[in-house]
PDB file of N, CA and C in Angstrom:
ATOM      1  N   MET A   1      35.531  46.331  85.624  1.00  0.00           N
ATOM      2  CA  MET A   1      34.257  45.856  86.130  1.00  0.00           C
ATOM      3  C   MET A   1      34.472  44.495  86.798  1.00  0.00           C
ATOM      4  N   PRO A   2      33.888  44.308  87.954  1.00  0.00           N
ATOM      5  CA  PRO A   2      34.062  43.038  88.665  1.00  0.00           C
ATOM      6  C   PRO A   2      33.217  41.913  88.066  1.00  0.00           C
ATOM      7  N   ILE A   3      33.700  40.702  88.259  1.00  0.00           N
ATOM      8  CA  ILE A   3      32.971  39.506  87.861  1.00  0.00           C
ATOM      9  C   ILE A   3      32.498  38.836  89.138  1.00  0.00           C
ATOM     10  N   TYR A   4      31.194  38.611  89.234  1.00  0.00           N
ATOM     11  CA  TYR A   4      30.622  37.935  90.387  1.00  0.00           C
ATOM     12  C   TYR A   4      30.212  36.531  89.974  1.00  0.00           C
ATOM     13  N   GLU A   5      30.480  35.553  90.845  1.00  0.00           N
ATOM     14  CA  GLU A   5      30.157  34.168  90.579  1.00  0.00           C
ATOM     15  C   GLU A   5      28.981  33.753  91.461  1.00  0.00           C
ATOM     16  N   TYR A   6      28.021  33.068  90.870  1.00  0.00           N
ATOM     17  CA  TYR A   6      26.808  32.662  91.568  1.00  0.00           C
ATOM     18  C   TYR A   6      26.567  31.167  91.374  1.00  0.00           C
ATOM     19  N   LYS A   7      25.810  30.588  92.323  1.00  0.00           N
ATOM     20  CA  LYS A   7      25.371  29.205  92.193  1.00  0.00           C
ATOM     21  C   LYS A   7      23.862  29.169  92.401  1.00  0.00           C
ATOM     22  N   CYS A   8      23.170  28.455  91.513  1.00  0.00           N
ATOM     23  CA  CYS A   8      21.720  28.325  91.596  1.00  0.00           C
ATOM     24  C   CYS A   8      21.374  27.267  92.636  1.00  0.00           C
ATOM     25  N   SER A   9      20.496  27.603  93.561  1.00  0.00           N
ATOM     26  CA  SER A   9      20.065  26.659  94.598  1.00  0.00           C
ATOM     27  C   SER A   9      19.098  25.618  94.041  1.00  0.00           C
ATOM     28  N   ASP A  10      18.472  25.908  92.907  1.00  0.00           N
ATOM     29  CA  ASP A  10      17.501  24.976  92.324  1.00  0.00           C
ATOM     30  C   ASP A  10      18.152  23.930  91.422  1.00  0.00           C
ATOM     31  N   CYS A  11      18.955  24.370  90.447  1.00  0.00           N
ATOM     32  CA  CYS A  11      19.519  23.416  89.481  1.00  0.00           C
ATOM     33  C   CYS A  11      21.005  23.148  89.691  1.00  0.00           C
ATOM     34  N   GLY A  12      21.669  23.927  90.556  1.00  0.00           N
ATOM     35  CA  GLY A  12      23.085  23.699  90.845  1.00  0.00           C
ATOM     36  C   GLY A  12      24.049  24.332  89.856  1.00  0.00           C
ATOM     37  N   ALA A  13      23.555  25.045  88.867  1.00  0.00           N
ATOM     38  CA  ALA A  13      24.422  25.686  87.871  1.00  0.00           C
ATOM     39  C   ALA A  13      25.276  26.768  88.526  1.00  0.00           C
ATOM     40  N   VAL A  14      26.526  26.862  88.099  1.00  0.00           N
ATOM     41  CA  VAL A  14      27.438  27.912  88.550  1.00  0.00           C
ATOM     42  C   VAL A  14      27.710  28.804  87.343  1.00  0.00           C
ATOM     43  N   PHE A  15      27.572  30.114  87.536  1.00  0.00           N
ATOM     44  CA  PHE A  15      27.750  31.044  86.428  1.00  0.00           C
ATOM     45  C   PHE A  15      28.338  32.347  86.941  1.00  0.00           C
ATOM     46  N   GLU A  16      28.895  33.126  86.013  1.00  0.00           N
ATOM     47  CA  GLU A  16      29.522  34.407  86.339  1.00  0.00           C
ATOM     48  C   GLU A  16      28.757  35.535  85.669  1.00  0.00           C
ATOM     49  N   ILE A  17      28.770  36.691  86.324  1.00  0.00           N
ATOM     50  CA  ILE A  17      28.151  37.879  85.755  1.00  0.00           C
ATOM     51  C   ILE A  17      29.157  39.027  85.856  1.00  0.00           C
ATOM     52  N   LEU A  18      29.438  39.641  84.731  1.00  0.00           N
ATOM     53  CA  LEU A  18      30.302  40.819  84.666  1.00  0.00           C
ATOM     54  C   LEU A  18      29.400  42.032  84.822  1.00  0.00           C
ATOM     55  N   THR A  19      29.637  42.828  85.850  1.00  0.00           N
ATOM     56  CA  THR A  19      28.735  43.949  86.124  1.00  0.00           C
ATOM     57  C   THR A  19      29.505  45.119  86.730  1.00  0.00           C
ATOM     58  N   THR A  20      28.843  46.242  86.806  1.00  0.00           N
ATOM     59  CA  THR A  20      29.418  47.382  87.509  1.00  0.00           C
ATOM     60  C   THR A  20      29.007  47.277  88.972  1.00  0.00           C
ATOM     61  N   SER A  21      29.742  47.890  89.858  1.00  0.00           N
ATOM     62  CA  SER A  21      29.396  47.836  91.275  1.00  0.00           C
ATOM     63  C   SER A  21      28.051  48.513  91.529  1.00  0.00           C
ATOM     64  N   GLU A  22      27.660  49.431  90.675  1.00  0.00           N
ATOM     65  CA  GLU A  22      26.377  50.111  90.796  1.00  0.00           C
ATOM     66  C   GLU A  22      25.196  49.144  90.597  1.00  0.00           C
ATOM     67  N   HIS A  23      25.365  48.141  89.735  1.00  0.00           N
ATOM     68  CA  HIS A  23      24.294  47.209  89.405  1.00  0.00           C
ATOM     69  C   HIS A  23      24.442  45.843  90.065  1.00  0.00           C
ATOM     70  N   ARG A  24      25.421  45.647  90.922  1.00  0.00           N
ATOM     71  CA  ARG A  24      25.698  44.319  91.476  1.00  0.00           C
ATOM     72  C   ARG A  24      24.589  43.788  92.378  1.00  0.00           C
ATOM     73  N   ASP A  25      23.771  44.667  92.956  1.00  0.00           N
ATOM     74  CA  ASP A  25      22.721  44.213  93.863  1.00  0.00           C
ATOM     75  C   ASP A  25      21.372  44.020  93.169  1.00  0.00           C
ATOM     76  N   ASN A  26      21.338  44.182  91.843  1.00  0.00           N
ATOM     77  CA  ASN A  26      20.101  43.926  91.105  1.00  0.00           C
ATOM     78  C   ASN A  26      19.755  42.446  91.200  1.00  0.00           C
ATOM     79  N   MET A  27      18.493  42.110  90.973  1.00  0.00           N
ATOM     80  CA  MET A  27      18.038  40.726  91.025  1.00  0.00           C
ATOM     81  C   MET A  27      18.810  39.891  90.014  1.00  0.00           C
ATOM     82  N   VAL A  28      19.453  38.839  90.495  1.00  0.00           N
ATOM     83  CA  VAL A  28      20.205  37.936  89.635  1.00  0.00           C
ATOM     84  C   VAL A  28      19.375  36.673  89.447  1.00  0.00           C
ATOM     85  N   ARG A  29      19.286  36.205  88.214  1.00  0.00           N
ATOM     86  CA  ARG A  29      18.548  34.990  87.905  1.00  0.00           C
ATOM     87  C   ARG A  29      19.499  33.990  87.269  1.00  0.00           C
ATOM     88  N   CYS A  30      19.236  32.715  87.512  1.00  0.00           N
ATOM     89  CA  CYS A  30      20.051  31.643  86.956  1.00  0.00           C
ATOM     90  C   CYS A  30      19.990  31.681  85.432  1.00  0.00           C
ATOM     91  N   GLU A  31      21.152  31.549  84.803  1.00  0.00           N
ATOM     92  CA  GLU A  31      21.213  31.564  83.346  1.00  0.00           C
ATOM     93  C   GLU A  31      20.659  30.280  82.737  1.00  0.00           C
ATOM     94  N   LYS A  32      20.611  29.200  83.519  1.00  0.00           N
ATOM     95  CA  LYS A  32      20.156  27.910  83.002  1.00  0.00           C
ATOM     96  C   LYS A  32      18.649  27.707  83.185  1.00  0.00           C
ATOM     97  N   CYS A  33      18.128  27.929  84.415  1.00  0.00           N
ATOM     98  CA  CYS A  33      16.720  27.636  84.695  1.00  0.00           C
ATOM     99  C   CYS A  33      15.889  28.879  85.014  1.00  0.00           C
ATOM    100  N   ASN A  34      16.510  30.051  85.027  1.00  0.00           N
ATOM    101  CA  ASN A  34      15.853  31.340  85.276  1.00  0.00           C
ATOM    102  C   ASN A  34      15.338  31.506  86.712  1.00  0.00           C
ATOM    103  N   SER A  35      15.822  30.683  87.638  1.00  0.00           N
ATOM    104  CA  SER A  35      15.412  30.788  89.036  1.00  0.00           C
ATOM    105  C   SER A  35      16.058  32.017  89.682  1.00  0.00           C
ATOM    106  N   ALA A  36      15.349  32.615  90.621  1.00  0.00           N
ATOM    107  CA  ALA A  36      15.896  33.745  91.369  1.00  0.00           C
ATOM    108  C   ALA A  36      16.566  33.264  92.655  1.00  0.00           C
ATOM    109  N   SER A  37      16.588  31.965  92.876  1.00  0.00           N
ATOM    110  CA  SER A  37      17.175  31.385  94.085  1.00  0.00           C
ATOM    111  C   SER A  37      18.665  31.116  93.856  1.00  0.00           C
ATOM    112  N   VAL A  38      19.462  32.173  93.875  1.00  0.00           N
ATOM    113  CA  VAL A  38      20.902  32.056  93.629  1.00  0.00           C
ATOM    114  C   VAL A  38      21.686  32.630  94.809  1.00  0.00           C
ATOM    115  N   VAL A  39      22.883  32.113  95.005  1.00  0.00           N
ATOM    116  CA  VAL A  39      23.771  32.604  96.068  1.00  0.00           C
ATOM    117  C   VAL A  39      25.083  33.061  95.442  1.00  0.00           C
ATOM    118  N   LYS A  40      25.578  34.200  95.917  1.00  0.00           N
ATOM    119  CA  LYS A  40      26.866  34.694  95.438  1.00  0.00           C
ATOM    120  C   LYS A  40      27.959  33.871  96.096  1.00  0.00           C
ATOM    121  N   LEU A  41      28.895  33.367  95.294  1.00  0.00           N
ATOM    122  CA  LEU A  41      29.989  32.558  95.804  1.00  0.00           C
ATOM    123  C   LEU A  41      31.175  33.440  96.150  1.00  0.00           C
ATOM    124  N   LEU A  42      31.963  32.973  97.090  1.00  0.00           N
ATOM    125  CA  LEU A  42      33.189  33.666  97.446  1.00  0.00           C
ATOM    126  C   LEU A  42      34.271  33.175  96.507  1.00  0.00           C
ATOM    127  N   SER A  43      34.779  34.061  95.683  1.00  0.00           N
ATOM    128  CA  SER A  43      35.788  33.678  94.706  1.00  0.00           C
ATOM    129  C   SER A  43      37.156  33.614  95.355  1.00  0.00           C
ATOM    130  N   ALA A  44      37.960  32.675  94.900  1.00  0.00           N
ATOM    131  CA  ALA A  44      39.321  32.533  95.399  1.00  0.00           C
ATOM    132  C   ALA A  44      40.175  33.659  94.832  1.00  0.00           C
ATOM    133  N   GLY A  45      41.159  34.045  95.565  1.00  0.00           N
ATOM    134  CA  GLY A  45      42.059  35.089  95.107  1.00  0.00           C
ATOM    135  C   GLY A  45      43.497  34.678  95.353  1.00  0.00           C
ATOM    136  N   THR A  46      44.385  35.518  94.962  1.00  0.00           N
ATOM    137  CA  THR A  46      45.798  35.261  95.220  1.00  0.00           C
ATOM    138  C   THR A  46      46.404  36.484  95.878  1.00  0.00           C
ATOM    139  N   VAL A  47      47.494  36.259  96.552  1.00  0.00           N
ATOM    140  CA  VAL A  47      48.230  37.338  97.186  1.00  0.00           C
ATOM    141  C   VAL A  47      49.564  37.421  96.474  1.00  0.00           C
ATOM    142  N   LYS A  48      49.915  38.612  96.056  1.00  0.00           N
ATOM    143  CA  LYS A  48      51.185  38.789  95.366  1.00  0.00           C
ATOM    144  C   LYS A  48      52.172  39.411  96.336  1.00  0.00           C
ATOM    145  N   LYS A  49      53.251  38.708  96.576  1.00  0.00           N
ATOM    146  CA  LYS A  49      54.288  39.170  97.480  1.00  0.00           C
ATOM    147  C   LYS A  49      55.571  39.269  96.671  1.00  0.00           C
ATOM    148  N   GLY A  50      56.029  40.452  96.470  1.00  0.00           N
ATOM    149  CA  GLY A  50      57.205  40.633  95.635  1.00  0.00           C
ATOM    150  C   GLY A  50      56.851  40.360  94.186  1.00  0.00           C
ATOM    151  N   SER A  51      57.678  39.586  93.500  1.00  0.00           N
ATOM    152  CA  SER A  51      57.407  39.283  92.100  1.00  0.00           C
ATOM    153  C   SER A  51      56.836  37.883  91.910  1.00  0.00           C
ATOM    154  N   ASN A  52      56.664  37.108  93.016  1.00  0.00           N
ATOM    155  CA  ASN A  52      56.128  35.756  92.916  1.00  0.00           C
ATOM    156  C   ASN A  52      54.746  35.683  93.551  1.00  0.00           C
ATOM    157  N   PRO A  53      53.688  35.414  92.760  1.00  0.00           N
ATOM    158  CA  PRO A  53      52.368  35.276  93.375  1.00  0.00           C
ATOM    159  C   PRO A  53      52.295  34.006  94.205  1.00  0.00           C
ATOM    160  N   SER A  54      51.670  34.087  95.369  1.00  0.00           N
ATOM    161  CA  SER A  54      51.498  32.895  96.193  1.00  0.00           C
ATOM    162  C   SER A  54      50.036  32.793  96.611  1.00  0.00           C
ATOM    163  N   PRO A  55      49.482  31.586  96.591  1.00  0.00           N
ATOM    164  CA  PRO A  55      48.066  31.435  96.938  1.00  0.00           C
ATOM    165  C   PRO A  55      47.809  31.691  98.414  1.00  0.00           C
ATOM    166  N   LEU A  56      46.566  32.025  98.730  1.00  0.00           N
ATOM    167  CA  LEU A  56      46.168  32.200 100.119  1.00  0.00           C
ATOM    168  C   LEU A  56      46.208  30.842 100.821  1.00  0.00           C
ATOM    169  N   PRO A  57      46.444  30.819 102.118  1.00  0.00           N
ATOM    170  CA  PRO A  57      46.468  29.541 102.828  1.00  0.00           C
ATOM    171  C   PRO A  57      45.100  28.870 102.762  1.00  0.00           C
ATOM    172  N   MET A  58      45.096  27.553 102.538  1.00  0.00           N
ATOM    173  CA  MET A  58      43.857  26.820 102.420  1.00  0.00           C
ATOM    174  C   MET A  58      43.377  26.282 103.761  1.00  0.00           C
ATOM    175  N   SER A  59      44.287  26.081 104.711  1.00  0.00           N
ATOM    176  CA  SER A  59      43.887  25.570 106.015  1.00  0.00           C
ATOM    177  C   SER A  59      44.845  26.094 107.063  1.00  0.00           C
ATOM    178  N   GLY A  60      44.552  25.797 108.299  1.00  0.00           N
ATOM    179  CA  GLY A  60      45.443  26.229 109.361  1.00  0.00           C
ATOM    180  C   GLY A  60      44.983  27.489 110.045  1.00  0.00           C
ATOM    181  N   GLY A  61      43.908  28.101 109.553  1.00  0.00           N
ATOM    182  CA  GLY A  61      43.389  29.299 110.199  1.00  0.00           C
ATOM    183  C   GLY A  61      44.366  30.452 110.145  1.00  0.00           C
ATOM    184  N   CYS A  62      44.458  31.160 111.240  1.00  0.00           N
ATOM    185  CA  CYS A  62      45.309  32.356 111.285  1.00  0.00           C
ATOM    186  C   CYS A  62      46.594  32.094 112.046  1.00  0.00           C
ATOM    187  N   ALA A  63      47.032  30.865 112.080  1.00  0.00           N
ATOM    188  CA  ALA A  63      48.248  30.530 112.811  1.00  0.00           C
ATOM    189  C   ALA A  63      49.321  30.055 111.842  1.00  0.00           C
ATOM    190  N   GLY A  64      50.487  29.849 112.372  1.00  0.00           N
ATOM    191  CA  GLY A  64      51.562  29.289 111.558  1.00  0.00           C
ATOM    192  C   GLY A  64      52.147  30.298 110.595  1.00  0.00           C
ATOM    193  N   ARG A  65      52.426  29.855 109.380  1.00  0.00           N
ATOM    194  CA  ARG A  65      53.112  30.670 108.397  1.00  0.00           C
ATOM    195  C   ARG A  65      52.167  31.450 107.499  1.00  0.00           C
ATOM    196  N   SER A  66      50.922  31.595 107.871  1.00  0.00           N
ATOM    197  CA  SER A  66      49.957  32.268 107.004  1.00  0.00           C
ATOM    198  C   SER A  66      50.235  33.762 106.877  1.00  0.00           C
ATOM    199  N   GLY A  67      50.932  34.348 107.840  1.00  0.00           N
ATOM    200  CA  GLY A  67      51.197  35.777 107.803  1.00  0.00           C
ATOM    201  C   GLY A  67      50.131  36.587 108.513  1.00  0.00           C
ATOM    202  N   PHE A  68      49.095  35.916 108.980  1.00  0.00           N
ATOM    203  CA  PHE A  68      48.033  36.605 109.704  1.00  0.00           C
ATOM    204  C   PHE A  68      48.172  36.331 111.196  1.00  0.00           C
ATOM    205  N   THR A  69      47.867  37.317 112.030  1.00  0.00           N
ATOM    206  CA  THR A  69      47.944  37.104 113.476  1.00  0.00           C
ATOM    207  C   THR A  69      46.650  37.496 114.126  1.00  0.00           C
TER     208      THR A  69
END
């Protein structure tokens, strides 16, 4: 089951919700203030190349050594 991370636009709280993909679009409310004004955050990930995990490039766009063209 995926974990989705949200940030409340009213109180600024950041929280995670473990859910099924079937229920991911249900109304999400802030766990701290119960506001419905929340935004889903883009979670950071990693790329595994061979046996050594390496983080995604943080800057530089799609040029250089990022591996993207």
